[in-house]
Amino acid sequence: MEKNKVGCYEFMAEPFHCDVTKKLFMGHLGNHLLNAADFHSQHRGFGMSYLNSINKTWVLSRLTIEMEEMPAMYSKFFVETWVENAMRFFTNRNFKVTDVETGKVYGYGRSVWAMIDTVTRQPASLMEINEGSIIQYVEKEKPCPIGKITRVKVAPDAPLANSFVVNYNDIDINGHLNSVKYVEHVLDLFSMEWMSTHRLQRMEIAYIMEAHWGEKVNIYYTVEDDGLTYHIRLTRMDPDKEEEVEISRCLAKFVKD
């Protein structure tokens, strides 16, 4: 298999992965992006299967998705993915989503990943994996024309909007709250009417701390004067400090359909 710098993978907006607008759920799109990232890294020698065999794993640190349109039910689409930059402890990976038949660009994504040791839970050097082979796959020239990942700011007095308990279906292979479940729980803040008349144009998520099975997560948010841009904070209780600690910050920017 020729190992190009850019990976391209085909997916379909399956009907049970679509919402009442007959468009793909953002959460399922997020899953497809992360699957594409996994396929790309597996085929090039720094994927989860190999990393787990040497007590290492990838951890998603930040994710931004910006879409001009979501794929409609039954439509087939490509997810392209490539490594834009690789440093000692972090790597930047981008995504492009296009329609298979027309080539129309639906949107783009940006992400930041860290590698950790699964025993010590400490950062691990990417350059020690297969003699730093990830550097061979860095692609700096392919454009990703959406805004860079920003630092989401949430007012400390933001009101409580919702709470949930982390359950079995929220947990991923690393044993903590699945990256995409953050997206789904945040979007559950919004009503059916709102989601039927507004499109999520851009979502940013910064993953700060893990949450585990049985823990209660609180969600707080404020909204900008435009009524369309939400700044969101997720917390959980720290049993040692007996106080809430921040586990994630999100930005959700909508446009009215």
C-alpha atoms as a PDB file:
ATOM      1  CA  MET A   1       0.000   0.000   0.000  1.00  0.00           C
ATOM      2  CA  GLU A   2       1.341   3.413  -0.950  1.00  0.00           C
ATOM      3  CA  LYS A   3       1.541   5.505   2.160  1.00  0.00           C
ATOM      4  CA  ASN A   4       0.733   9.020   1.016  1.00  0.00           C
ATOM      5  CA  LYS A   5       0.882  11.886   3.466  1.00  0.00           C
ATOM      6  CA  VAL A   6      -2.858  12.510   3.061  1.00  0.00           C
ATOM      7  CA  GLY A   7      -5.352   9.772   3.840  1.00  0.00           C
ATOM      8  CA  CYS A   8      -8.795   9.704   2.205  1.00  0.00           C
ATOM      9  CA  TYR A   9     -11.646   7.557   3.528  1.00  0.00           C
ATOM     10  CA  GLU A  10     -15.235   7.144   2.354  1.00  0.00           C
ATOM     11  CA  PHE A  11     -18.228   7.230   4.699  1.00  0.00           C
ATOM     12  CA  MET A  12     -22.011   7.478   4.311  1.00  0.00           C
ATOM     13  CA  ALA A  13     -24.602   9.513   6.216  1.00  0.00           C
ATOM     14  CA  GLU A  14     -26.606   6.507   7.341  1.00  0.00           C
ATOM     15  CA  PRO A  15     -30.264   7.244   8.115  1.00  0.00           C
ATOM     16  CA  PHE A  16     -29.999   6.286  11.794  1.00  0.00           C
ATOM     17  CA  HIS A  17     -27.047   8.670  12.136  1.00  0.00           C
ATOM     18  CA  CYS A  18     -29.119  11.642  10.968  1.00  0.00           C
ATOM     19  CA  ASP A  19     -31.324  14.068  12.896  1.00  0.00           C
ATOM     20  CA  VAL A  20     -34.839  15.366  12.168  1.00  0.00           C
ATOM     21  CA  THR A  21     -33.468  17.638   9.421  1.00  0.00           C
ATOM     22  CA  LYS A  22     -32.243  14.474   7.652  1.00  0.00           C
ATOM     23  CA  LYS A  23     -28.665  15.675   8.001  1.00  0.00           C
ATOM     24  CA  LEU A  24     -25.810  13.884   9.729  1.00  0.00           C
ATOM     25  CA  PHE A  25     -25.539  14.429  13.480  1.00  0.00           C
ATOM     26  CA  MET A  26     -22.461  16.444  14.415  1.00  0.00           C
ATOM     27  CA  GLY A  27     -21.530  13.719  16.881  1.00  0.00           C
ATOM     28  CA  HIS A  28     -21.474  11.083  14.149  1.00  0.00           C
ATOM     29  CA  LEU A  29     -19.425  13.357  11.913  1.00  0.00           C
ATOM     30  CA  GLY A  30     -16.992  13.697  14.806  1.00  0.00           C
ATOM     31  CA  ASN A  31     -16.766   9.901  15.007  1.00  0.00           C
ATOM     32  CA  HIS A  32     -15.979   9.718  11.293  1.00  0.00           C
ATOM     33  CA  LEU A  33     -13.200  12.289  11.655  1.00  0.00           C
ATOM     34  CA  LEU A  34     -11.652  10.386  14.547  1.00  0.00           C
ATOM     35  CA  ASN A  35     -11.977   7.094  12.660  1.00  0.00           C
ATOM     36  CA  ALA A  36     -10.223   8.646   9.673  1.00  0.00           C
ATOM     37  CA  ALA A  37      -7.440   9.833  11.980  1.00  0.00           C
ATOM     38  CA  ASP A  38      -7.099   6.307  13.347  1.00  0.00           C
ATOM     39  CA  PHE A  39      -7.046   4.699   9.889  1.00  0.00           C
ATOM     40  CA  HIS A  40      -4.420   7.190   8.712  1.00  0.00           C
ATOM     41  CA  SER A  41      -2.137   6.617  11.702  1.00  0.00           C
ATOM     42  CA  GLN A  42      -2.621   2.820  11.707  1.00  0.00           C
ATOM     43  CA  HIS A  43      -1.533   2.529   8.086  1.00  0.00           C
ATOM     44  CA  ARG A  44       1.609   4.550   8.804  1.00  0.00           C
ATOM     45  CA  GLY A  45       2.923   2.839  11.909  1.00  0.00           C
ATOM     46  CA  PHE A  46       1.788   5.093  14.728  1.00  0.00           C
ATOM     47  CA  GLY A  47      -1.777   3.919  15.281  1.00  0.00           C
ATOM     48  CA  MET A  48      -3.555   2.817  18.433  1.00  0.00           C
ATOM     49  CA  SER A  49      -2.932  -0.923  17.960  1.00  0.00           C
ATOM     50  CA  TYR A  50       0.815  -0.491  17.863  1.00  0.00           C
ATOM     51  CA  LEU A  51       0.886   2.177  20.573  1.00  0.00           C
ATOM     52  CA  ASN A  52      -1.189   0.051  22.971  1.00  0.00           C
ATOM     53  CA  SER A  53       1.334  -2.780  22.556  1.00  0.00           C
ATOM     54  CA  ILE A  54       4.045  -0.503  23.986  1.00  0.00           C
ATOM     55  CA  ASN A  55       1.842   1.072  26.685  1.00  0.00           C
ATOM     56  CA  LYS A  56       1.162   4.294  24.801  1.00  0.00           C
ATOM     57  CA  THR A  57      -2.008   5.889  23.456  1.00  0.00           C
ATOM     58  CA  TRP A  58      -3.256   8.983  21.665  1.00  0.00           C
ATOM     59  CA  VAL A  59      -5.297  11.523  23.614  1.00  0.00           C
ATOM     60  CA  LEU A  60      -7.346  14.158  21.835  1.00  0.00           C
ATOM     61  CA  SER A  61      -6.521  17.570  23.278  1.00  0.00           C
ATOM     62  CA  ARG A  62      -8.489  19.941  21.051  1.00  0.00           C
ATOM     63  CA  LEU A  63     -10.992  19.612  18.225  1.00  0.00           C
ATOM     64  CA  THR A  64     -12.539  22.223  15.955  1.00  0.00           C
ATOM     65  CA  ILE A  65     -15.103  21.429  13.264  1.00  0.00           C
ATOM     66  CA  GLU A  66     -16.440  24.095  10.917  1.00  0.00           C
ATOM     67  CA  MET A  67     -19.121  23.117   8.412  1.00  0.00           C
ATOM     68  CA  GLU A  68     -20.865  25.053   5.657  1.00  0.00           C
ATOM     69  CA  GLU A  69     -23.327  22.186   5.281  1.00  0.00           C
ATOM     70  CA  MET A  70     -23.834  18.760   6.828  1.00  0.00           C
ATOM     71  CA  PRO A  71     -24.044  15.667   4.598  1.00  0.00           C
ATOM     72  CA  ALA A  72     -27.637  14.681   3.897  1.00  0.00           C
ATOM     73  CA  MET A  73     -29.094  11.234   4.583  1.00  0.00           C
ATOM     74  CA  TYR A  74     -27.633   8.494   2.345  1.00  0.00           C
ATOM     75  CA  SER A  75     -25.040  10.823   0.830  1.00  0.00           C
ATOM     76  CA  LYS A  76     -21.498   9.486   0.597  1.00  0.00           C
ATOM     77  CA  PHE A  77     -18.601  11.679   1.561  1.00  0.00           C
ATOM     78  CA  PHE A  78     -14.831  11.589   1.848  1.00  0.00           C
ATOM     79  CA  VAL A  79     -12.881  12.533   4.940  1.00  0.00           C
ATOM     80  CA  GLU A  80      -9.335  13.539   4.082  1.00  0.00           C
ATOM     81  CA  THR A  81      -6.874  13.819   6.943  1.00  0.00           C
ATOM     82  CA  TRP A  82      -3.244  14.805   7.283  1.00  0.00           C
ATOM     83  CA  VAL A  83      -0.673  15.761   9.911  1.00  0.00           C
ATOM     84  CA  GLU A  84       0.060  19.471   9.648  1.00  0.00           C
ATOM     85  CA  ASN A  85       2.745  19.563  12.306  1.00  0.00           C
ATOM     86  CA  ALA A  86       4.474  17.213  14.743  1.00  0.00           C
ATOM     87  CA  MET A  87       6.339  18.303  17.854  1.00  0.00           C
ATOM     88  CA  ARG A  88       7.794  16.297  20.709  1.00  0.00           C
ATOM     89  CA  PHE A  89       4.576  15.858  22.686  1.00  0.00           C
ATOM     90  CA  PHE A  90       1.825  17.171  20.382  1.00  0.00           C
ATOM     91  CA  THR A  91       0.729  16.823  16.792  1.00  0.00           C
ATOM     92  CA  ASN A  92      -1.698  18.916  14.725  1.00  0.00           C
ATOM     93  CA  ARG A  93      -4.023  16.985  12.438  1.00  0.00           C
ATOM     94  CA  ASN A  94      -6.451  18.500   9.926  1.00  0.00           C
ATOM     95  CA  PHE A  95      -9.537  17.218   8.121  1.00  0.00           C
ATOM     96  CA  LYS A  96     -11.485  18.018   4.947  1.00  0.00           C
ATOM     97  CA  VAL A  97     -15.009  16.708   4.260  1.00  0.00           C
ATOM     98  CA  THR A  98     -16.192  16.526   0.636  1.00  0.00           C
ATOM     99  CA  ASP A  99     -19.100  14.973  -1.265  1.00  0.00           C
ATOM    100  CA  VAL A 100     -18.131  11.823  -3.188  1.00  0.00           C
ATOM    101  CA  GLU A 101     -20.267  12.551  -6.263  1.00  0.00           C
ATOM    102  CA  THR A 102     -19.954  16.319  -6.674  1.00  0.00           C
ATOM    103  CA  GLY A 103     -16.716  17.139  -4.872  1.00  0.00           C
ATOM    104  CA  LYS A 104     -18.540  19.836  -2.903  1.00  0.00           C
ATOM    105  CA  VAL A 105     -16.670  20.817   0.246  1.00  0.00           C
ATOM    106  CA  TYR A 106     -18.844  20.427   3.332  1.00  0.00           C
ATOM    107  CA  GLY A 107     -16.279  21.707   5.782  1.00  0.00           C
ATOM    108  CA  TYR A 108     -12.983  21.271   7.587  1.00  0.00           C
ATOM    109  CA  GLY A 109     -11.620  20.303  10.955  1.00  0.00           C
ATOM    110  CA  ARG A 110      -8.536  20.928  13.058  1.00  0.00           C
ATOM    111  CA  SER A 111      -7.297  18.875  15.988  1.00  0.00           C
ATOM    112  CA  VAL A 112      -4.446  18.638  18.463  1.00  0.00           C
ATOM    113  CA  TRP A 113      -3.335  15.269  19.845  1.00  0.00           C
ATOM    114  CA  ALA A 114      -0.971  14.251  22.627  1.00  0.00           C
ATOM    115  CA  MET A 115       0.655  10.909  23.273  1.00  0.00           C
ATOM    116  CA  ILE A 116       0.743   9.547  26.811  1.00  0.00           C
ATOM    117  CA  ASP A 117       2.141   6.538  28.617  1.00  0.00           C
ATOM    118  CA  THR A 118      -0.802   4.375  29.717  1.00  0.00           C
ATOM    119  CA  VAL A 119       1.028   3.210  32.857  1.00  0.00           C
ATOM    120  CA  THR A 120       2.355   6.520  34.200  1.00  0.00           C
ATOM    121  CA  ARG A 121      -0.327   8.697  32.487  1.00  0.00           C
ATOM    122  CA  GLN A 122       2.511  11.093  31.676  1.00  0.00           C
ATOM    123  CA  PRO A 123       3.278  12.673  28.271  1.00  0.00           C
ATOM    124  CA  ALA A 124       5.301  10.491  25.909  1.00  0.00           C
ATOM    125  CA  SER A 125       7.580  11.645  23.098  1.00  0.00           C
ATOM    126  CA  LEU A 126       6.263  11.170  19.565  1.00  0.00           C
ATOM    127  CA  MET A 127       9.865  11.110  18.335  1.00  0.00           C
ATOM    128  CA  GLU A 128      10.536   7.834  20.152  1.00  0.00           C
ATOM    129  CA  ILE A 129       7.860   5.990  18.146  1.00  0.00           C
ATOM    130  CA  ASN A 130       9.410   4.144  15.187  1.00  0.00           C
ATOM    131  CA  GLU A 131      12.352   6.538  15.259  1.00  0.00           C
ATOM    132  CA  GLY A 132      10.130   9.557  14.753  1.00  0.00           C
ATOM    133  CA  SER A 133       8.573   8.219  11.537  1.00  0.00           C
ATOM    134  CA  ILE A 134       5.584  10.570  11.960  1.00  0.00           C
ATOM    135  CA  ILE A 135       7.808  13.354  10.601  1.00  0.00           C
ATOM    136  CA  GLN A 136       7.755  11.643   7.189  1.00  0.00           C
ATOM    137  CA  TYR A 137       4.006  12.267   6.967  1.00  0.00           C
ATOM    138  CA  VAL A 138       3.873  15.940   7.894  1.00  0.00           C
ATOM    139  CA  GLU A 139       2.039  17.893   5.174  1.00  0.00           C
ATOM    140  CA  LYS A 140       2.368  21.651   5.633  1.00  0.00           C
ATOM    141  CA  GLU A 141       1.243  22.738   2.156  1.00  0.00           C
ATOM    142  CA  LYS A 142      -2.312  21.359   2.050  1.00  0.00           C
ATOM    143  CA  PRO A 143      -4.680  24.189   3.036  1.00  0.00           C
ATOM    144  CA  CYS A 144      -7.169  24.052   5.889  1.00  0.00           C
ATOM    145  CA  PRO A 145      -8.923  27.414   5.414  1.00  0.00           C
ATOM    146  CA  ILE A 146     -10.772  27.681   8.710  1.00  0.00           C
ATOM    147  CA  GLY A 147      -9.768  29.759  11.690  1.00  0.00           C
ATOM    148  CA  LYS A 148      -7.119  28.405  14.017  1.00  0.00           C
ATOM    149  CA  ILE A 149      -8.184  26.769  17.251  1.00  0.00           C
ATOM    150  CA  THR A 150      -8.809  29.505  19.814  1.00  0.00           C
ATOM    151  CA  ARG A 151      -8.875  29.676  23.598  1.00  0.00           C
ATOM    152  CA  VAL A 152     -12.520  29.513  24.629  1.00  0.00           C
ATOM    153  CA  LYS A 153     -13.365  31.874  27.476  1.00  0.00           C
ATOM    154  CA  VAL A 154     -16.290  31.153  29.783  1.00  0.00           C
ATOM    155  CA  ALA A 155     -17.432  33.591  32.462  1.00  0.00           C
ATOM    156  CA  PRO A 156     -16.881  32.176  35.976  1.00  0.00           C
ATOM    157  CA  ASP A 157     -20.454  33.080  36.905  1.00  0.00           C
ATOM    158  CA  ALA A 158     -22.029  31.255  33.942  1.00  0.00           C
ATOM    159  CA  PRO A 159     -25.300  29.633  35.104  1.00  0.00           C
ATOM    160  CA  LEU A 160     -25.781  25.885  35.389  1.00  0.00           C
ATOM    161  CA  ALA A 161     -27.608  24.632  32.290  1.00  0.00           C
ATOM    162  CA  ASN A 162     -27.637  20.849  32.673  1.00  0.00           C
ATOM    163  CA  SER A 163     -26.016  17.879  34.415  1.00  0.00           C
ATOM    164  CA  PHE A 164     -25.481  14.246  33.494  1.00  0.00           C
ATOM    165  CA  VAL A 165     -23.884  11.152  34.986  1.00  0.00           C
ATOM    166  CA  VAL A 166     -21.200   9.393  32.936  1.00  0.00           C
ATOM    167  CA  ASN A 167     -22.570   5.934  32.084  1.00  0.00           C
ATOM    168  CA  TYR A 168     -21.479   2.836  30.168  1.00  0.00           C
ATOM    169  CA  ASN A 169     -22.285   4.200  26.697  1.00  0.00           C
ATOM    170  CA  ASP A 170     -20.265   7.345  27.417  1.00  0.00           C
ATOM    171  CA  ILE A 171     -17.009   5.464  28.005  1.00  0.00           C
ATOM    172  CA  ASP A 172     -14.341   4.895  25.330  1.00  0.00           C
ATOM    173  CA  ILE A 173     -11.553   2.332  24.941  1.00  0.00           C
ATOM    174  CA  ASN A 174      -9.303   4.329  27.272  1.00  0.00           C
ATOM    175  CA  GLY A 175     -11.870   4.017  30.086  1.00  0.00           C
ATOM    176  CA  HIS A 176     -12.994   7.635  30.262  1.00  0.00           C
ATOM    177  CA  LEU A 177     -15.651   9.914  28.777  1.00  0.00           C
ATOM    178  CA  ASN A 178     -15.555   9.548  24.989  1.00  0.00           C
ATOM    179  CA  SER A 179     -14.366  12.628  23.102  1.00  0.00           C
ATOM    180  CA  VAL A 180     -17.473  12.740  20.914  1.00  0.00           C
ATOM    181  CA  LYS A 181     -19.811  12.315  23.900  1.00  0.00           C
ATOM    182  CA  TYR A 182     -18.753  15.795  25.017  1.00  0.00           C
ATOM    183  CA  VAL A 183     -20.206  17.057  21.711  1.00  0.00           C
ATOM    184  CA  GLU A 184     -23.442  15.120  22.119  1.00  0.00           C
ATOM    185  CA  HIS A 185     -24.051  16.170  25.723  1.00  0.00           C
ATOM    186  CA  VAL A 186     -23.340  19.812  24.895  1.00  0.00           C
ATOM    187  CA  LEU A 187     -25.733  19.774  21.942  1.00  0.00           C
ATOM    188  CA  ASP A 188     -28.426  18.271  24.180  1.00  0.00           C
ATOM    189  CA  LEU A 189     -28.612  21.739  25.751  1.00  0.00           C
ATOM    190  CA  PHE A 190     -30.545  22.926  22.711  1.00  0.00           C
ATOM    191  CA  SER A 191     -34.189  22.262  21.912  1.00  0.00           C
ATOM    192  CA  MET A 192     -35.558  20.362  18.925  1.00  0.00           C
ATOM    193  CA  GLU A 193     -37.021  23.600  17.595  1.00  0.00           C
ATOM    194  CA  TRP A 194     -33.671  25.358  17.840  1.00  0.00           C
ATOM    195  CA  MET A 195     -31.765  22.562  16.128  1.00  0.00           C
ATOM    196  CA  SER A 196     -34.411  22.361  13.396  1.00  0.00           C
ATOM    197  CA  THR A 197     -34.044  26.050  12.532  1.00  0.00           C
ATOM    198  CA  HIS A 198     -30.342  26.635  13.240  1.00  0.00           C
ATOM    199  CA  ARG A 199     -27.210  25.000  11.878  1.00  0.00           C
ATOM    200  CA  LEU A 200     -24.111  24.452  13.972  1.00  0.00           C
ATOM    201  CA  GLN A 201     -21.468  26.191  11.904  1.00  0.00           C
ATOM    202  CA  ARG A 202     -18.422  25.886  14.167  1.00  0.00           C
ATOM    203  CA  MET A 203     -17.673  23.914  17.284  1.00  0.00           C
ATOM    204  CA  GLU A 204     -14.488  24.055  19.325  1.00  0.00           C
ATOM    205  CA  ILE A 205     -13.669  21.749  22.202  1.00  0.00           C
ATOM    206  CA  ALA A 206     -10.687  21.870  24.542  1.00  0.00           C
ATOM    207  CA  TYR A 207     -10.272  18.659  26.534  1.00  0.00           C
ATOM    208  CA  ILE A 208      -8.755  19.547  29.889  1.00  0.00           C
ATOM    209  CA  MET A 209      -9.323  16.607  32.217  1.00  0.00           C
ATOM    210  CA  GLU A 210     -10.804  13.121  32.068  1.00  0.00           C
ATOM    211  CA  ALA A 211     -14.195  12.103  33.450  1.00  0.00           C
ATOM    212  CA  HIS A 212     -14.994   8.518  34.416  1.00  0.00           C
ATOM    213  CA  TRP A 213     -17.935   6.194  34.892  1.00  0.00           C
ATOM    214  CA  GLY A 214     -20.348   7.260  37.618  1.00  0.00           C
ATOM    215  CA  GLU A 215     -19.104  10.839  37.857  1.00  0.00           C
ATOM    216  CA  LYS A 216     -21.556  13.712  37.615  1.00  0.00           C
ATOM    217  CA  VAL A 217     -20.752  16.346  34.993  1.00  0.00           C
ATOM    218  CA  ASN A 218     -22.190  19.867  35.175  1.00  0.00           C
ATOM    219  CA  ILE A 219     -22.563  22.091  32.101  1.00  0.00           C
ATOM    220  CA  TYR A 220     -22.552  25.897  32.288  1.00  0.00           C
ATOM    221  CA  TYR A 221     -22.862  28.378  29.447  1.00  0.00           C
ATOM    222  CA  THR A 222     -23.205  32.004  28.451  1.00  0.00           C
ATOM    223  CA  VAL A 223     -24.330  33.349  25.084  1.00  0.00           C
ATOM    224  CA  GLU A 224     -22.996  36.346  23.166  1.00  0.00           C
ATOM    225  CA  ASP A 225     -25.182  39.290  22.199  1.00  0.00           C
ATOM    226  CA  ASP A 226     -25.708  37.786  18.733  1.00  0.00           C
ATOM    227  CA  GLY A 227     -27.757  35.023  20.377  1.00  0.00           C
ATOM    228  CA  LEU A 228     -25.912  32.477  18.250  1.00  0.00           C
ATOM    229  CA  THR A 229     -22.504  31.988  19.882  1.00  0.00           C
ATOM    230  CA  TYR A 230     -22.338  29.941  23.085  1.00  0.00           C
ATOM    231  CA  HIS A 231     -19.404  29.621  25.483  1.00  0.00           C
ATOM    232  CA  ILE A 232     -19.696  26.394  27.448  1.00  0.00           C
ATOM    233  CA  ARG A 233     -17.860  24.890  30.412  1.00  0.00           C
ATOM    234  CA  LEU A 234     -18.042  21.296  31.701  1.00  0.00           C
ATOM    235  CA  THR A 235     -16.984  20.380  35.228  1.00  0.00           C
ATOM    236  CA  ARG A 236     -16.939  17.388  37.561  1.00  0.00           C
ATOM    237  CA  MET A 237     -16.401  17.025  41.291  1.00  0.00           C
ATOM    238  CA  ASP A 238     -12.852  16.371  42.449  1.00  0.00           C
ATOM    239  CA  PRO A 239     -13.250  14.028  45.445  1.00  0.00           C
ATOM    240  CA  ASP A 240      -9.826  14.951  46.833  1.00  0.00           C
ATOM    241  CA  LYS A 241     -10.381  18.710  46.729  1.00  0.00           C
ATOM    242  CA  GLU A 242     -14.147  18.460  47.277  1.00  0.00           C
ATOM    243  CA  GLU A 243     -14.719  21.084  44.609  1.00  0.00           C
ATOM    244  CA  GLU A 244     -15.657  21.295  40.952  1.00  0.00           C
ATOM    245  CA  VAL A 245     -12.828  21.043  38.461  1.00  0.00           C
ATOM    246  CA  GLU A 246     -13.058  21.993  34.802  1.00  0.00           C
ATOM    247  CA  ILE A 247     -12.871  19.107  32.344  1.00  0.00           C
ATOM    248  CA  SER A 248     -13.674  20.887  29.075  1.00  0.00           C
ATOM    249  CA  ARG A 249     -14.422  24.219  27.424  1.00  0.00           C
ATOM    250  CA  CYS A 250     -16.473  24.505  24.256  1.00  0.00           C
ATOM    251  CA  LEU A 251     -17.622  27.096  21.760  1.00  0.00           C
ATOM    252  CA  ALA A 252     -20.731  26.479  19.657  1.00  0.00           C
ATOM    253  CA  LYS A 253     -21.511  28.972  16.908  1.00  0.00           C
ATOM    254  CA  PHE A 254     -24.806  28.649  15.053  1.00  0.00           C
ATOM    255  CA  VAL A 255     -26.280  30.251  11.933  1.00  0.00           C
ATOM    256  CA  LYS A 256     -29.997  30.515  11.284  1.00  0.00           C
ATOM    257  CA  ASP A 257     -31.201  28.328   8.417  1.00  0.00           C
END
